[in-house]
Amino acid sequence: VHQSAFPQGAGAEAGDSQHEVRG
């Protein structure tokens, strides 16, 4: 879900939660 909001976030693949903050 978060991937859509922050596709450029590298953490998206690793973890939606982590990526959400990093993105």
PDB file of N, CA and C in Angstrom:
ATOM      1  N   VAL A   1       0.842  -1.197   0.000  1.00  0.00           N
ATOM      2  CA  VAL A   1       0.000   0.000   0.000  1.00  0.00           C
ATOM      3  C   VAL A   1       0.883   1.255   0.000  1.00  0.00           C
ATOM      4  N   HIS A   2       1.836   1.274   0.919  1.00  0.00           N
ATOM      5  CA  HIS A   2       2.717   2.435   1.015  1.00  0.00           C
ATOM      6  C   HIS A   2       3.584   2.581  -0.226  1.00  0.00           C
ATOM      7  N   GLN A   3       3.815   1.461  -0.897  1.00  0.00           N
ATOM      8  CA  GLN A   3       4.660   1.493  -2.093  1.00  0.00           C
ATOM      9  C   GLN A   3       4.092   2.478  -3.108  1.00  0.00           C
ATOM     10  N   SER A   4       2.779   2.513  -3.212  1.00  0.00           N
ATOM     11  CA  SER A   4       2.125   3.410  -4.173  1.00  0.00           C
ATOM     12  C   SER A   4       2.403   4.868  -3.800  1.00  0.00           C
ATOM     13  N   ALA A   5       2.408   5.131  -2.509  1.00  0.00           N
ATOM     14  CA  ALA A   5       2.612   6.495  -2.039  1.00  0.00           C
ATOM     15  C   ALA A   5       4.077   6.901  -2.199  1.00  0.00           C
ATOM     16  N   PHE A   6       4.991   5.949  -1.937  1.00  0.00           N
ATOM     17  CA  PHE A   6       6.412   6.265  -2.042  1.00  0.00           C
ATOM     18  C   PHE A   6       7.156   5.208  -2.852  1.00  0.00           C
ATOM     19  N   PRO A   7       6.975   5.217  -4.165  1.00  0.00           N
ATOM     20  CA  PRO A   7       7.612   4.235  -5.042  1.00  0.00           C
ATOM     21  C   PRO A   7       9.127   4.375  -5.052  1.00  0.00           C
ATOM     22  N   GLN A   8       9.620   5.556  -4.790  1.00  0.00           N
ATOM     23  CA  GLN A   8      11.063   5.803  -4.820  1.00  0.00           C
ATOM     24  C   GLN A   8      11.745   5.306  -3.542  1.00  0.00           C
ATOM     25  N   GLY A   9      10.945   4.901  -2.555  1.00  0.00           N
ATOM     26  CA  GLY A   9      11.514   4.422  -1.284  1.00  0.00           C
ATOM     27  C   GLY A   9      12.120   3.042  -1.443  1.00  0.00           C
ATOM     28  N   ALA A  10      13.408   2.916  -1.195  1.00  0.00           N
ATOM     29  CA  ALA A  10      14.083   1.625  -1.356  1.00  0.00           C
ATOM     30  C   ALA A  10      13.547   0.620  -0.343  1.00  0.00           C
ATOM     31  N   GLY A  11      13.112   1.119   0.805  1.00  0.00           N
ATOM     32  CA  GLY A  11      12.609   0.245   1.868  1.00  0.00           C
ATOM     33  C   GLY A  11      11.268  -0.379   1.502  1.00  0.00           C
ATOM     34  N   ALA A  12      10.660   0.110   0.441  1.00  0.00           N
ATOM     35  CA  ALA A  12       9.346  -0.405   0.029  1.00  0.00           C
ATOM     36  C   ALA A  12       9.404  -1.917  -0.155  1.00  0.00           C
ATOM     37  N   GLU A  13      10.466  -2.380  -0.783  1.00  0.00           N
ATOM     38  CA  GLU A  13      10.595  -3.814  -1.039  1.00  0.00           C
ATOM     39  C   GLU A  13      10.934  -4.552   0.255  1.00  0.00           C
ATOM     40  N   ALA A  14      11.769  -3.940   1.077  1.00  0.00           N
ATOM     41  CA  ALA A  14      12.184  -4.581   2.328  1.00  0.00           C
ATOM     42  C   ALA A  14      11.024  -4.625   3.310  1.00  0.00           C
ATOM     43  N   GLY A  15      10.394  -3.483   3.542  1.00  0.00           N
ATOM     44  CA  GLY A  15       9.284  -3.446   4.492  1.00  0.00           C
ATOM     45  C   GLY A  15       8.445  -2.202   4.305  1.00  0.00           C
ATOM     46  N   ASP A  16       7.145  -2.345   4.184  1.00  0.00           N
ATOM     47  CA  ASP A  16       6.264  -1.197   3.960  1.00  0.00           C
ATOM     48  C   ASP A  16       6.390  -0.207   5.113  1.00  0.00           C
ATOM     49  N   SER A  17       6.441  -0.725   6.342  1.00  0.00           N
ATOM     50  CA  SER A  17       6.496   0.142   7.515  1.00  0.00           C
ATOM     51  C   SER A  17       7.767   0.988   7.498  1.00  0.00           C
ATOM     52  N   GLN A  18       8.905   0.336   7.319  1.00  0.00           N
ATOM     53  CA  GLN A  18      10.186   1.041   7.319  1.00  0.00           C
ATOM     54  C   GLN A  18      10.246   2.017   6.162  1.00  0.00           C
ATOM     55  N   HIS A  19       9.838   1.542   5.014  1.00  0.00           N
ATOM     56  CA  HIS A  19       9.881   2.355   3.791  1.00  0.00           C
ATOM     57  C   HIS A  19       9.029   3.593   3.944  1.00  0.00           C
ATOM     58  N   GLU A  20       7.940   3.449   4.667  1.00  0.00           N
ATOM     59  CA  GLU A  20       7.017   4.570   4.845  1.00  0.00           C
ATOM     60  C   GLU A  20       7.749   5.745   5.486  1.00  0.00           C
ATOM     61  N   VAL A  21       8.561   5.447   6.503  1.00  0.00           N
ATOM     62  CA  VAL A  21       9.293   6.493   7.214  1.00  0.00           C
ATOM     63  C   VAL A  21      10.452   7.014   6.379  1.00  0.00           C
ATOM     64  N   ARG A  22      11.160   6.102   5.743  1.00  0.00           N
ATOM     65  CA  ARG A  22      12.341   6.489   4.961  1.00  0.00           C
ATOM     66  C   ARG A  22      11.940   7.255   3.707  1.00  0.00           C
ATOM     67  N   GLY A  23      10.837   6.856   3.137  1.00  0.00           N
ATOM     68  CA  GLY A  23      10.394   7.488   1.891  1.00  0.00           C
ATOM     69  C   GLY A  23      10.098   8.953   2.110  1.00  0.00           C
TER      70      GLY A  23
END
